[in-house]
N, C-alpha and C. Protein backbone atom coordinates (compact mmCIF):
# COMPACT_ATOMS: atom_id res chain seq x y z
N UNK A 1 9.56 17.12 27.94
CA UNK A 1 8.55 17.14 26.45
C UNK A 1 7.27 17.82 26.08
N UNK A 2 7.08 18.65 24.80
CA UNK A 2 5.34 18.57 25.08
C UNK A 2 5.00 17.69 24.36
N UNK A 3 3.68 17.57 25.22
CA UNK A 3 2.65 16.27 24.95
C UNK A 3 2.22 16.36 23.43
N UNK A 4 2.00 15.20 22.60
CA UNK A 4 1.59 14.78 21.44
C UNK A 4 0.06 14.72 21.44
N UNK A 5 -0.35 15.38 20.61
CA UNK A 5 -1.94 15.64 19.88
C UNK A 5 -1.77 15.56 18.19
N UNK A 6 -3.12 14.67 18.26
CA UNK A 6 -3.57 14.41 17.17
C UNK A 6 -5.05 14.91 16.60
N UNK A 7 -5.15 15.50 15.74
CA UNK A 7 -6.35 16.19 15.25
C UNK A 7 -6.66 15.53 13.77
N UNK A 8 -7.96 14.16 13.50
CA UNK A 8 -8.46 13.72 12.26
C UNK A 8 -9.28 14.07 11.57
N UNK A 9 -9.49 14.30 10.35
CA UNK A 9 -9.94 15.54 9.52
C UNK A 9 -10.56 14.03 8.89
N UNK A 10 -11.97 13.89 9.30
CA UNK A 10 -12.65 12.72 8.47
C UNK A 10 -13.61 13.15 7.66
N UNK A 11 -13.18 13.03 6.23
CA UNK A 11 -14.14 13.80 4.92
C UNK A 11 -15.67 12.60 5.63
N UNK A 12 -17.01 12.94 5.12
CA UNK A 12 -17.97 12.11 5.24
C UNK A 12 -18.26 11.30 4.27
N UNK A 13 -18.68 10.27 4.87
CA UNK A 13 -19.17 9.16 3.29
C UNK A 13 -20.07 9.30 2.19
N UNK A 14 -19.80 8.35 1.18
CA UNK A 14 -21.24 8.54 0.54
C UNK A 14 -22.49 9.27 0.67
N UNK A 15 -23.00 9.87 -0.11
CA UNK A 15 -23.93 10.35 -0.26
C UNK A 15 -25.09 10.41 -0.96
N UNK A 16 -26.42 10.17 -0.72
CA UNK A 16 -27.19 9.65 -1.83
C UNK A 16 -27.70 10.91 -2.87
N UNK A 17 -27.71 10.58 -3.77
CA UNK A 17 -27.16 11.93 -5.08
C UNK A 17 -27.55 11.53 -6.24
N UNK A 18 -28.91 10.41 -6.52
CA UNK A 18 -29.31 9.78 -7.83
C UNK A 18 -28.80 11.11 -8.61
N UNK A 19 -29.03 12.14 -9.02
CA UNK A 19 -29.38 13.16 -10.06
C UNK A 19 -28.09 13.74 -10.26
N UNK A 20 -26.64 13.47 -8.99
CA UNK A 20 -25.51 13.83 -9.74
C UNK A 20 -25.65 15.44 -9.93
N UNK A 21 -26.31 15.40 -8.65
CA UNK A 21 -25.94 17.42 -8.19
C UNK A 21 -24.79 17.71 -7.51
N UNK A 22 -24.48 19.28 -7.32
CA UNK A 22 -23.28 19.63 -6.80
C UNK A 22 -24.07 20.46 -6.01
N UNK A 23 -24.16 18.97 -4.77
CA UNK A 23 -24.98 19.90 -3.50
C UNK A 23 -24.13 21.14 -2.59
N UNK A 24 -23.17 21.15 -2.43
CA UNK A 24 -22.52 21.78 -1.95
C UNK A 24 -22.76 22.05 -0.28
N UNK A 25 -23.61 23.42 -0.15
CA UNK A 25 -23.98 23.25 1.31
C UNK A 25 -25.99 23.24 1.62
N UNK A 26 -26.34 22.79 0.57
CA UNK A 26 -27.71 22.44 -0.03
C UNK A 26 -28.19 21.63 1.63
N UNK A 27 -29.08 21.70 1.65
CA UNK A 27 -29.82 20.43 3.11
C UNK A 27 -30.25 19.54 2.39
N UNK A 28 -30.72 18.69 2.92
CA UNK A 28 -31.39 17.85 2.68
C UNK A 28 -30.63 16.33 2.07
N UNK A 29 -29.38 16.44 2.06
CA UNK A 29 -28.44 15.51 1.34
C UNK A 29 -27.96 14.23 2.53
N UNK A 30 -28.27 13.10 2.89
CA UNK A 30 -27.82 12.56 3.74
C UNK A 30 -27.38 11.65 2.50
N UNK A 31 -26.30 10.35 3.98
CA UNK A 31 -25.98 9.18 3.85
C UNK A 31 -26.61 8.81 3.02
N UNK A 32 -26.12 7.64 1.60
CA UNK A 32 -26.67 6.60 1.11
C UNK A 32 -26.23 5.64 2.28
N UNK A 33 -27.25 4.67 1.75
CA UNK A 33 -27.07 2.80 3.02
C UNK A 33 -25.13 2.55 3.24
N UNK A 34 -24.75 2.53 1.70
CA UNK A 34 -23.29 2.69 1.32
C UNK A 34 -22.43 3.30 2.54
N UNK A 35 -22.82 5.09 2.63
CA UNK A 35 -22.39 5.79 3.24
C UNK A 35 -22.62 5.14 4.96
N UNK A 36 -23.68 4.82 5.22
CA UNK A 36 -23.90 4.46 6.44
C UNK A 36 -23.02 3.57 7.06
N UNK A 37 -22.82 2.87 6.00
CA UNK A 37 -21.95 1.72 6.38
C UNK A 37 -20.16 2.08 6.95
N UNK A 38 -19.93 2.79 5.21
CA UNK A 38 -18.60 3.80 5.72
C UNK A 38 -18.44 4.24 7.13
N UNK A 39 -19.68 4.98 7.66
CA UNK A 39 -19.61 5.31 8.84
C UNK A 39 -19.11 4.55 9.85
N UNK A 40 -19.85 3.57 9.81
CA UNK A 40 -19.82 2.56 11.20
C UNK A 40 -18.69 2.01 10.44
N UNK A 41 -17.74 1.32 9.61
CA UNK A 41 -17.08 1.32 9.30
C UNK A 41 -15.43 1.82 9.76
N UNK A 42 -15.66 2.92 9.67
CA UNK A 42 -14.36 4.30 10.04
C UNK A 42 -14.62 3.87 11.77
N UNK A 43 -15.87 3.72 12.51
CA UNK A 43 -16.23 4.56 13.97
C UNK A 43 -15.06 2.92 14.46
N UNK A 44 -15.27 1.22 13.44
CA UNK A 44 -14.62 0.83 14.44
C UNK A 44 -13.66 0.87 14.39
N UNK A 45 -12.76 1.05 12.98
CA UNK A 45 -11.71 1.33 12.86
C UNK A 45 -10.90 1.90 13.48
N UNK A 46 -11.37 3.14 14.46
CA UNK A 46 -10.62 3.81 14.87
C UNK A 46 -11.01 3.60 16.67
N UNK A 47 -12.07 2.48 16.93
CA UNK A 47 -12.25 2.17 19.08
C UNK A 47 -11.40 2.52 19.18
N UNK A 48 -10.20 1.81 18.77
CA UNK A 48 -9.25 1.62 20.10
C UNK A 48 -8.46 3.14 20.00
N UNK A 49 -8.48 4.38 19.49
CA UNK A 49 -7.46 5.84 19.48
C UNK A 49 -8.23 5.97 20.92
N UNK A 50 -7.39 6.82 21.69
CA UNK A 50 -7.68 8.01 22.52
C UNK A 50 -8.24 9.35 21.89
N UNK A 51 -9.58 9.02 21.47
CA UNK A 51 -10.31 10.05 21.12
C UNK A 51 -11.46 10.67 22.40
N UNK A 52 -11.04 12.22 22.49
CA UNK A 52 -11.95 12.50 23.90
C UNK A 52 -12.19 13.34 23.27
N UNK A 53 -12.82 14.23 21.95
CA UNK A 53 -13.75 15.60 21.47
C UNK A 53 -14.15 15.25 20.23
N UNK A 54 -15.09 15.63 19.81
CA UNK A 54 -15.44 14.87 18.25
C UNK A 54 -16.00 16.52 17.97
N UNK A 55 -15.97 16.74 16.94
CA UNK A 55 -16.76 17.94 16.50
C UNK A 55 -17.02 17.74 14.99
N UNK A 56 -18.30 18.14 14.17
CA UNK A 56 -18.87 17.88 12.82
C UNK A 56 -18.96 19.39 12.40
N UNK A 57 -19.26 19.27 10.82
CA UNK A 57 -19.66 20.42 9.84
C UNK A 57 -21.10 20.27 10.52
N UNK A 58 -21.86 20.93 10.36
CA UNK A 58 -23.27 21.38 10.86
C UNK A 58 -24.48 20.39 9.68
N UNK A 59 -23.62 20.77 8.33
CA UNK A 59 -24.84 19.51 7.30
C UNK A 59 -25.03 18.47 7.95
N UNK A 60 -25.66 17.85 7.28
CA UNK A 60 -26.55 16.93 7.84
C UNK A 60 -25.74 15.35 6.79
N UNK A 61 -25.14 14.84 6.12
CA UNK A 61 -24.19 14.48 5.50
C UNK A 61 -23.03 14.16 7.16
N UNK A 62 -21.93 15.29 7.18
CA UNK A 62 -21.67 15.54 8.56
C UNK A 62 -21.65 14.63 9.18
N UNK A 63 -22.91 14.64 10.31
CA UNK A 63 -23.39 14.63 11.57
C UNK A 63 -23.87 13.24 11.01
N UNK A 64 -24.36 12.37 10.51
CA UNK A 64 -24.88 11.21 10.31
C UNK A 64 -23.20 10.51 10.15
N UNK A 65 -22.15 10.87 9.68
CA UNK A 65 -20.94 10.17 9.75
C UNK A 65 -20.37 10.01 11.29
N UNK A 66 -20.29 11.83 12.24
CA UNK A 66 -20.31 11.68 13.44
C UNK A 66 -21.16 10.44 14.29
N UNK A 67 -22.09 10.25 13.77
CA UNK A 67 -22.90 9.54 14.68
C UNK A 67 -22.41 8.23 15.15
N UNK A 68 -21.85 7.38 15.11
CA UNK A 68 -21.06 6.26 14.81
C UNK A 68 -20.27 6.72 16.22
N UNK A 69 -19.64 7.32 15.75
CA UNK A 69 -17.86 8.17 16.22
C UNK A 69 -18.13 8.04 17.84
N UNK A 70 -19.79 9.28 17.62
CA UNK A 70 -20.11 9.64 19.17
C UNK A 70 -20.87 8.39 20.17
N UNK A 71 -21.59 7.45 19.02
CA UNK A 71 -21.27 6.54 20.26
C UNK A 71 -20.56 5.41 20.50
N UNK A 72 -19.70 5.44 19.51
CA UNK A 72 -18.74 4.54 20.18
C UNK A 72 -17.52 5.50 21.17
N UNK A 73 -17.43 6.25 21.15
CA UNK A 73 -16.14 6.98 22.46
C UNK A 73 -17.50 7.84 23.40
N UNK A 74 -18.89 7.39 23.31
CA UNK A 74 -20.13 7.67 24.20
C UNK A 74 -19.61 10.17 24.78
N UNK A 75 -19.16 10.26 23.03
CA UNK A 75 -18.82 11.79 23.27
C UNK A 75 -20.44 12.57 22.25
N UNK A 76 -19.91 13.86 23.44
CA UNK A 76 -21.25 14.69 22.33
C UNK A 76 -20.01 15.26 21.42
N UNK A 77 -21.54 15.42 20.16
CA UNK A 77 -20.85 16.19 18.76
C UNK A 77 -21.11 17.26 18.51
N UNK A 78 -20.07 18.20 18.47
CA UNK A 78 -19.84 19.81 18.49
C UNK A 78 -20.33 20.02 17.35
N UNK A 79 -20.71 21.01 17.35
CA UNK A 79 -21.26 21.51 15.41
C UNK A 79 -20.04 22.74 15.33
N UNK A 80 -19.37 22.61 14.60
CA UNK A 80 -18.43 23.89 14.13
C UNK A 80 -18.64 24.63 12.87
N UNK A 81 -19.37 25.38 12.66
CA UNK A 81 -19.62 26.40 10.88
C UNK A 81 -18.16 25.70 10.44
N UNK A 82 -17.00 26.50 11.15
CA UNK A 82 -15.92 26.42 10.60
C UNK A 82 -15.44 25.24 9.39
N UNK A 83 -15.93 23.84 9.90
CA UNK A 83 -16.19 22.73 9.54
C UNK A 83 -16.54 22.82 8.01
N UNK A 84 -17.94 23.49 7.73
CA UNK A 84 -18.61 23.21 6.54
C UNK A 84 -18.24 23.05 4.57
N UNK A 85 -18.93 22.80 4.50
CA UNK A 85 -18.12 22.85 2.94
C UNK A 85 -18.39 24.19 2.32
N UNK A 86 -16.96 24.43 1.33
CA UNK A 86 -16.74 25.78 0.60
C UNK A 86 -18.50 25.81 0.10
N UNK A 87 -17.72 26.91 0.04
CA UNK A 87 -19.63 28.16 -0.82
C UNK A 87 -19.09 27.77 -2.32
N UNK A 88 -19.89 27.93 -2.97
CA UNK A 88 -19.53 27.38 -4.50
C UNK A 88 -21.09 27.76 -5.47
N UNK A 89 -20.68 28.85 -6.10
CA UNK A 89 -22.31 29.35 -6.87
C UNK A 89 -23.12 28.21 -7.59
N UNK A 90 -22.37 26.99 -8.25
CA UNK A 90 -22.81 26.13 -8.84
C UNK A 90 -23.31 24.68 -8.31
N UNK A 91 -24.06 25.20 -6.50
CA UNK A 91 -24.68 24.38 -5.82
C UNK A 91 -26.05 24.50 -6.71
N UNK A 92 -26.06 23.06 -6.92
CA UNK A 92 -27.85 22.53 -7.55
C UNK A 92 -27.79 21.98 -8.81
N UNK A 93 -26.55 22.69 -9.22
CA UNK A 93 -26.50 22.28 -10.93
C UNK A 93 -26.36 20.91 -10.96
N UNK A 94 -26.61 19.91 -11.85
CA UNK A 94 -26.13 18.69 -12.14
C UNK A 94 -24.90 18.60 -13.10
N UNK A 95 -24.18 17.77 -12.60
CA UNK A 95 -23.18 18.25 -12.80
C UNK A 95 -23.36 16.70 -14.12
N UNK A 96 -23.85 15.83 -13.88
CA UNK A 96 -23.46 14.83 -15.14
C UNK A 96 -22.58 13.82 -14.42
N UNK A 97 -21.58 13.63 -15.12
CA UNK A 97 -20.47 12.66 -15.40
C UNK A 97 -19.34 13.72 -15.24
N UNK A 98 -19.22 14.74 -14.25
CA UNK A 98 -18.55 15.77 -14.06
C UNK A 98 -17.84 16.75 -14.49
N UNK A 99 -18.67 17.20 -15.93
CA UNK A 99 -18.19 17.87 -17.09
C UNK A 99 -19.18 18.83 -17.24
N UNK A 100 -20.11 18.61 -16.81
CA UNK A 100 -21.59 19.23 -17.33
C UNK A 100 -21.13 20.39 -17.12
N UNK A 101 -20.91 21.57 -15.62
CA UNK A 101 -20.20 22.58 -16.03
C UNK A 101 -19.37 23.09 -16.76
N UNK A 102 -18.83 22.20 -17.41
CA UNK A 102 -17.56 22.81 -18.27
C UNK A 102 -18.07 22.85 -20.03
N UNK A 103 -18.92 22.35 -19.82
CA UNK A 103 -19.81 22.09 -21.46
C UNK A 103 -20.84 23.09 -21.47
N UNK A 104 -21.01 23.82 -20.87
CA UNK A 104 -22.30 24.73 -20.53
C UNK A 104 -22.01 26.12 -20.92
N UNK A 105 -22.58 27.12 -21.60
CA UNK A 105 -21.50 28.48 -21.93
C UNK A 105 -21.98 29.47 -21.02
N UNK A 106 -23.17 29.15 -20.23
CA UNK A 106 -23.83 30.02 -19.09
C UNK A 106 -23.00 30.61 -18.13
N UNK A 107 -22.13 29.24 -17.93
CA UNK A 107 -21.63 29.34 -16.74
C UNK A 107 -19.98 30.18 -16.71
N UNK A 108 -19.26 29.69 -17.91
CA UNK A 108 -17.96 30.02 -18.36
C UNK A 108 -17.84 31.65 -18.03
N UNK A 109 -18.76 32.55 -17.53
CA UNK A 109 -17.88 33.61 -16.92
C UNK A 109 -17.60 33.94 -15.46
N UNK A 110 -17.95 32.63 -14.95
CA UNK A 110 -17.61 32.07 -13.61
C UNK A 110 -16.12 31.47 -13.35
N UNK A 111 -15.33 31.39 -14.63
CA UNK A 111 -14.67 30.57 -14.68
C UNK A 111 -13.25 31.15 -14.59
N UNK A 112 -13.39 31.88 -14.95
CA UNK A 112 -12.04 32.82 -15.12
C UNK A 112 -10.84 33.13 -14.15
N UNK A 113 -11.05 32.57 -13.22
CA UNK A 113 -10.23 32.84 -12.44
C UNK A 113 -10.00 31.70 -11.28
N UNK A 114 -8.81 30.27 -11.72
CA UNK A 114 -9.36 28.89 -10.66
C UNK A 114 -7.88 29.12 -9.99
N UNK A 115 -7.45 30.32 -9.47
CA UNK A 115 -6.32 30.75 -8.90
C UNK A 115 -6.96 31.07 -7.33
N UNK A 116 -8.27 31.51 -7.45
CA UNK A 116 -9.29 32.31 -5.64
C UNK A 116 -9.89 31.17 -5.36
N UNK A 117 -11.18 30.68 -5.91
CA UNK A 117 -11.62 30.25 -7.10
C UNK A 117 -12.26 31.07 -7.33
N UNK A 118 -12.55 31.70 -8.87
CA UNK A 118 -13.84 32.31 -9.24
C UNK A 118 -15.35 32.37 -8.97
N UNK A 119 -15.62 31.22 -8.67
CA UNK A 119 -16.89 29.99 -8.29
C UNK A 119 -16.91 29.82 -7.37
N UNK A 120 -16.19 30.33 -6.18
CA UNK A 120 -16.71 29.89 -4.68
C UNK A 120 -16.02 30.83 -4.09
N UNK A 121 -15.51 30.29 -2.97
CA UNK A 121 -15.21 30.76 -1.86
C UNK A 121 -13.82 30.59 -1.79
N UNK A 122 -12.70 31.62 -1.43
CA UNK A 122 -11.46 31.53 -1.85
C UNK A 122 -10.94 30.44 -0.73
N UNK A 123 -9.79 30.01 -1.42
CA UNK A 123 -8.92 29.05 -0.74
C UNK A 123 -8.28 30.12 0.04
N UNK A 124 -7.82 30.30 0.06
CA UNK A 124 -7.45 31.17 1.61
C UNK A 124 -8.47 31.60 2.79
N UNK A 125 -9.25 31.81 2.60
CA UNK A 125 -10.87 32.41 3.38
C UNK A 125 -11.12 30.66 3.88
N UNK A 126 -11.20 29.77 3.22
CA UNK A 126 -11.07 28.21 3.93
C UNK A 126 -10.00 27.33 4.64
N UNK A 127 -8.15 28.16 4.61
CA UNK A 127 -7.24 27.56 5.35
C UNK A 127 -8.00 28.27 6.64
N UNK A 128 -8.40 29.93 6.49
CA UNK A 128 -8.08 30.44 7.76
C UNK A 128 -8.99 29.71 8.72
N UNK A 129 -10.45 29.83 8.38
CA UNK A 129 -10.85 28.62 9.01
C UNK A 129 -10.83 27.40 9.44
N UNK A 130 -10.85 27.13 9.00
CA UNK A 130 -9.89 25.00 9.35
C UNK A 130 -8.65 25.11 10.07
N UNK A 131 -8.05 25.84 9.85
CA UNK A 131 -6.90 26.37 10.96
C UNK A 131 -7.30 26.74 11.97
N UNK A 132 -8.32 28.05 12.40
CA UNK A 132 -9.47 27.95 13.91
C UNK A 132 -9.93 26.68 14.44
N UNK A 133 -10.31 25.78 13.41
CA UNK A 133 -10.90 24.71 13.66
C UNK A 133 -10.35 23.87 14.26
N UNK A 134 -9.09 23.39 13.51
CA UNK A 134 -8.07 22.49 13.96
C UNK A 134 -7.41 23.20 15.08
N UNK A 135 -6.98 24.50 15.12
CA UNK A 135 -6.66 24.88 17.05
C UNK A 135 -7.65 24.86 18.04
N UNK A 136 -8.66 25.12 17.69
CA UNK A 136 -9.54 24.39 19.20
C UNK A 136 -9.88 23.04 19.04
N UNK A 137 -9.87 22.56 18.74
CA UNK A 137 -10.07 20.77 18.70
C UNK A 137 -8.35 20.32 18.93
N UNK A 138 -7.28 20.79 18.97
CA UNK A 138 -6.22 20.57 19.51
C UNK A 138 -6.25 20.94 21.20
N UNK A 139 -6.83 22.55 21.09
CA UNK A 139 -6.67 22.94 22.86
C UNK A 139 -7.47 21.93 23.15
N UNK A 140 -9.19 21.72 22.94
CA UNK A 140 -9.59 20.86 23.75
C UNK A 140 -9.31 19.28 24.34
N UNK A 141 -8.64 18.79 22.98
CA UNK A 141 -7.85 17.61 23.11
C UNK A 141 -6.37 17.25 23.90
N UNK A 142 -5.81 18.22 23.61
CA UNK A 142 -3.95 18.33 24.42
C UNK A 142 -3.80 17.49 25.30
N UNK A 143 -3.28 16.59 24.22
CA UNK A 143 -2.45 15.33 24.93
C UNK A 143 -3.01 13.85 24.55
N UNK A 144 -4.15 14.03 23.97
CA UNK A 144 -4.91 13.38 23.20
C UNK A 144 -5.19 13.07 21.47
N UNK A 145 -6.92 12.89 21.16
CA UNK A 145 -6.79 13.10 19.96
C UNK A 145 -8.59 13.47 19.64
N UNK A 146 -8.65 13.65 18.74
CA UNK A 146 -9.98 14.39 18.33
C UNK A 146 -10.11 14.47 16.86
N UNK A 147 -11.44 13.73 16.49
CA UNK A 147 -11.86 13.63 15.25
C UNK A 147 -12.68 14.90 15.14
N UNK A 148 -12.87 15.33 13.61
CA UNK A 148 -13.30 16.91 12.80
C UNK A 148 -14.11 16.39 11.72
N UNK A 149 -15.50 15.84 11.54
CA UNK A 149 -15.74 15.32 10.23
C UNK A 149 -15.97 16.57 9.30
N UNK A 150 -15.61 16.62 7.81
CA UNK A 150 -15.66 17.93 7.27
C UNK A 150 -15.60 17.30 5.63
N UNK A 151 -15.08 18.14 4.91
CA UNK A 151 -15.67 17.82 3.83
C UNK A 151 -14.87 18.17 2.68
N UNK A 152 -14.81 17.29 1.52
CA UNK A 152 -13.71 16.55 0.52
C UNK A 152 -12.74 18.43 0.85
N UNK A 153 -13.19 19.30 0.28
CA UNK A 153 -12.26 20.89 -0.52
C UNK A 153 -11.63 20.85 0.59
N UNK A 154 -12.00 21.23 1.63
CA UNK A 154 -11.54 21.94 2.79
C UNK A 154 -10.48 21.11 3.21
N UNK A 155 -10.50 19.85 3.87
CA UNK A 155 -9.98 19.27 4.42
C UNK A 155 -8.49 19.54 2.88
N UNK A 156 -8.98 19.57 1.96
CA UNK A 156 -7.33 19.48 1.10
C UNK A 156 -7.01 20.59 1.24
N UNK A 157 -7.67 21.99 1.32
CA UNK A 157 -7.27 23.01 1.12
C UNK A 157 -5.79 22.94 2.61
N UNK A 158 -6.58 22.80 3.41
CA UNK A 158 -5.54 22.87 4.58
C UNK A 158 -4.93 22.21 5.26
N UNK A 159 -4.94 20.76 3.88
CA UNK A 159 -3.46 19.91 3.72
C UNK A 159 -2.37 20.12 3.19
N UNK A 160 -2.93 21.10 2.03
CA UNK A 160 -2.20 22.26 0.97
C UNK A 160 -0.96 22.69 2.04
N UNK A 161 -2.13 23.85 3.04
CA UNK A 161 -1.13 24.68 3.50
C UNK A 161 -0.43 24.22 4.88
N UNK A 162 -0.68 23.30 5.28
CA UNK A 162 0.34 22.62 5.99
C UNK A 162 1.50 21.65 5.29
N UNK A 163 1.10 21.31 4.39
CA UNK A 163 2.29 21.24 3.78
C UNK A 163 3.47 22.04 2.96
N UNK A 164 2.84 23.22 2.94
CA UNK A 164 3.68 24.15 2.47
C UNK A 164 3.31 24.18 0.79
N UNK A 165 2.04 23.95 0.12
CA UNK A 165 2.00 23.63 -1.41
C UNK A 165 1.14 24.62 -1.53
N UNK A 166 0.73 24.72 -3.25
CA UNK A 166 0.07 25.71 -3.91
C UNK A 166 -0.78 25.74 -3.12
N UNK A 167 -1.86 26.64 -3.50
CA UNK A 167 -3.37 25.92 -2.73
C UNK A 167 -4.55 25.59 -4.00
N UNK A 168 -4.38 26.31 -5.24
CA UNK A 168 -4.73 26.10 -6.55
C UNK A 168 -4.63 24.37 -6.91
N UNK A 169 -5.30 23.60 -7.54
CA UNK A 169 -5.16 22.68 -7.32
C UNK A 169 -6.06 21.73 -8.88
N UNK A 170 -5.84 20.93 -8.82
CA UNK A 170 -6.69 19.49 -9.95
C UNK A 170 -7.93 18.98 -8.91
N UNK A 171 -9.27 19.19 -8.76
CA UNK A 171 -9.99 18.47 -8.20
C UNK A 171 -9.43 17.08 -8.60
N UNK A 172 -9.64 16.79 -9.21
CA UNK A 172 -9.23 15.13 -10.00
C UNK A 172 -8.31 14.51 -8.77
N UNK A 173 -7.33 15.07 -8.33
CA UNK A 173 -6.08 14.63 -7.89
C UNK A 173 -5.78 14.66 -6.12
N UNK A 174 -6.98 15.00 -5.86
CA UNK A 174 -6.92 15.40 -4.56
C UNK A 174 -7.02 13.63 -3.84
N UNK A 175 -6.06 14.40 -2.55
CA UNK A 175 -6.19 12.49 -1.67
C UNK A 175 -7.17 12.39 -0.38
N UNK A 176 -8.59 12.71 -0.90
CA UNK A 176 -9.27 12.61 -0.12
C UNK A 176 -10.56 12.16 0.00
N UNK A 177 -10.80 10.71 -0.01
CA UNK A 177 -11.84 9.89 -0.46
C UNK A 177 -12.67 9.99 0.82
N UNK A 178 -13.72 9.27 0.19
CA UNK A 178 -14.94 9.07 1.32
C UNK A 178 -14.41 8.70 2.34
N UNK A 179 -14.89 9.15 3.31
CA UNK A 179 -14.34 8.33 4.75
C UNK A 179 -13.44 8.04 4.92
N UNK A 180 -12.52 9.31 4.57
CA UNK A 180 -10.83 9.14 4.55
C UNK A 180 -10.26 9.70 6.17
N UNK A 181 -9.13 8.95 6.14
CA UNK A 181 -8.66 10.29 7.41
C UNK A 181 -7.74 10.93 7.03
N UNK A 182 -7.45 12.42 7.55
CA UNK A 182 -6.29 13.16 7.17
C UNK A 182 -5.86 13.29 8.75
N UNK A 183 -4.82 13.33 8.96
CA UNK A 183 -4.41 13.34 10.46
C UNK A 183 -2.99 14.56 10.50
N UNK A 184 -3.45 15.26 11.87
CA UNK A 184 -2.09 16.15 11.90
C UNK A 184 -1.94 16.14 13.02
N UNK A 185 -0.67 15.38 13.20
CA UNK A 185 0.25 15.55 14.40
C UNK A 185 1.26 16.76 15.17
N UNK A 186 0.49 16.75 16.61
CA UNK A 186 1.49 18.04 16.65
C UNK A 186 2.13 17.24 18.02
N UNK A 187 3.02 18.25 18.39
CA UNK A 187 3.70 18.34 19.88
C UNK A 187 3.45 20.23 20.36
N UNK A 188 3.14 19.98 21.47
CA UNK A 188 2.75 21.26 21.99
C UNK A 188 1.58 21.78 20.81
N UNK A 189 2.01 22.94 20.38
CA UNK A 189 1.29 23.55 19.23
C UNK A 189 1.74 23.56 17.90
N UNK A 190 2.94 22.07 17.78
CA UNK A 190 3.88 22.27 16.43
C UNK A 190 3.44 21.37 15.71
N UNK A 191 2.90 21.34 14.66
CA UNK A 191 2.83 20.23 13.56
C UNK A 191 4.25 19.61 13.04
N UNK A 192 4.14 18.37 13.37
CA UNK A 192 4.88 17.86 13.26
C UNK A 192 4.54 16.14 12.08
N UNK A 193 3.59 16.40 12.04
CA UNK A 193 3.16 15.31 10.81
C UNK A 193 1.83 15.35 10.51
N UNK A 194 1.47 14.89 8.97
CA UNK A 194 0.31 14.74 8.20
C UNK A 194 0.57 13.48 8.05
N UNK A 195 -0.93 12.59 8.15
CA UNK A 195 -1.12 10.74 7.50
C UNK A 195 -2.53 11.35 6.51
N UNK A 196 -2.49 10.24 6.31
CA UNK A 196 -3.83 9.68 5.58
C UNK A 196 -4.33 8.27 5.36
N UNK A 197 -5.35 8.02 5.29
CA UNK A 197 -5.71 6.38 5.48
C UNK A 197 -7.39 6.69 5.12
N UNK A 198 -7.09 5.45 4.78
CA UNK A 198 -9.13 5.25 4.38
C UNK A 198 -9.34 3.95 5.05
N UNK A 199 -9.62 4.20 6.16
CA UNK A 199 -10.80 2.63 6.93
C UNK A 199 -11.28 2.04 6.55
N UNK A 200 -12.41 3.21 5.39
CA UNK A 200 -13.83 2.30 4.53
C UNK A 200 -13.79 2.24 3.00
N UNK A 201 -12.21 2.46 2.44
CA UNK A 201 -11.74 2.33 1.60
C UNK A 201 -12.14 1.11 0.30
N UNK A 202 -12.62 -0.10 0.85
CA UNK A 202 -13.03 -0.93 0.14
C UNK A 202 -14.14 -0.67 0.04
N UNK A 203 -15.15 0.23 0.28
CA UNK A 203 -16.93 0.40 -0.10
C UNK A 203 -16.73 1.62 -0.95
N UNK A 204 -15.24 2.26 -0.69
CA UNK A 204 -15.85 3.43 -1.95
C UNK A 204 -15.75 3.53 -3.58
N UNK A 205 -16.68 3.59 -4.14
CA UNK A 205 -16.71 3.71 -5.56
C UNK A 205 -15.74 4.82 -6.31
N UNK A 206 -14.94 4.45 -7.26
CA UNK A 206 -14.39 5.35 -7.53
C UNK A 206 -14.72 5.37 -9.59
N UNK A 207 -14.76 6.76 -8.99
CA UNK A 207 -14.82 8.26 -8.93
C UNK A 207 -15.61 8.44 -8.34
N UNK A 208 -15.43 9.23 -6.90
CA UNK A 208 -16.57 9.95 -5.73
C UNK A 208 -17.68 10.76 -6.76
N UNK A 209 -18.30 10.68 -6.22
CA UNK A 209 -19.59 11.68 -6.47
C UNK A 209 -19.06 12.85 -7.21
N UNK A 210 -18.98 14.07 -7.48
CA UNK A 210 -18.56 15.20 -7.04
C UNK A 210 -19.14 16.24 -5.75
N UNK A 211 -17.90 17.72 -5.77
CA UNK A 211 -18.77 18.50 -4.69
C UNK A 211 -18.91 17.98 -3.86
N UNK A 212 -18.68 17.03 -3.02
CA UNK A 212 -19.14 16.40 -1.65
C UNK A 212 -17.70 16.89 -0.51
């Protein structure tokens, strides 16, 4: 029988973002105190797992989320650019309560195609790079488990692709809370299941900060 490998995609914890900026790939956005608690909570929750490899998006909030895991498992964190947040032309825009972009006519020209989407990195390109990152993690941790720290949109669209669902979606309906785990289980190279859990769910304030 082929060995079982599990690749966990962990969304980073809460970010300090008092101005409610859609920060995307911008530098210098770090975990809040609650975000650090989330990262520690996840590390405790998975401490008994057979994790042999740890990967992270290069953005600060992801690396800070990975740090307690690295300490728990005695692993080095491998930075992987393929895990980065999706590119978005609205980076740096204050979104207020979440609808600031849609209330400003100067942004309308970017919103013509929600299926691609027209305002940022194509969903199919996000899926392609995330699939490659997962393949690398599966090979590295074959027969064991790996954790990859990434961001909401990349995690959600690779899950949609894995489950054979359409990539265009309503962002408000993503099942990918802060510090949540989306877990891909493989027998050999064959995907046999996708699971979801929120080990730090008690610390999540809903709705979450947009664009994380």
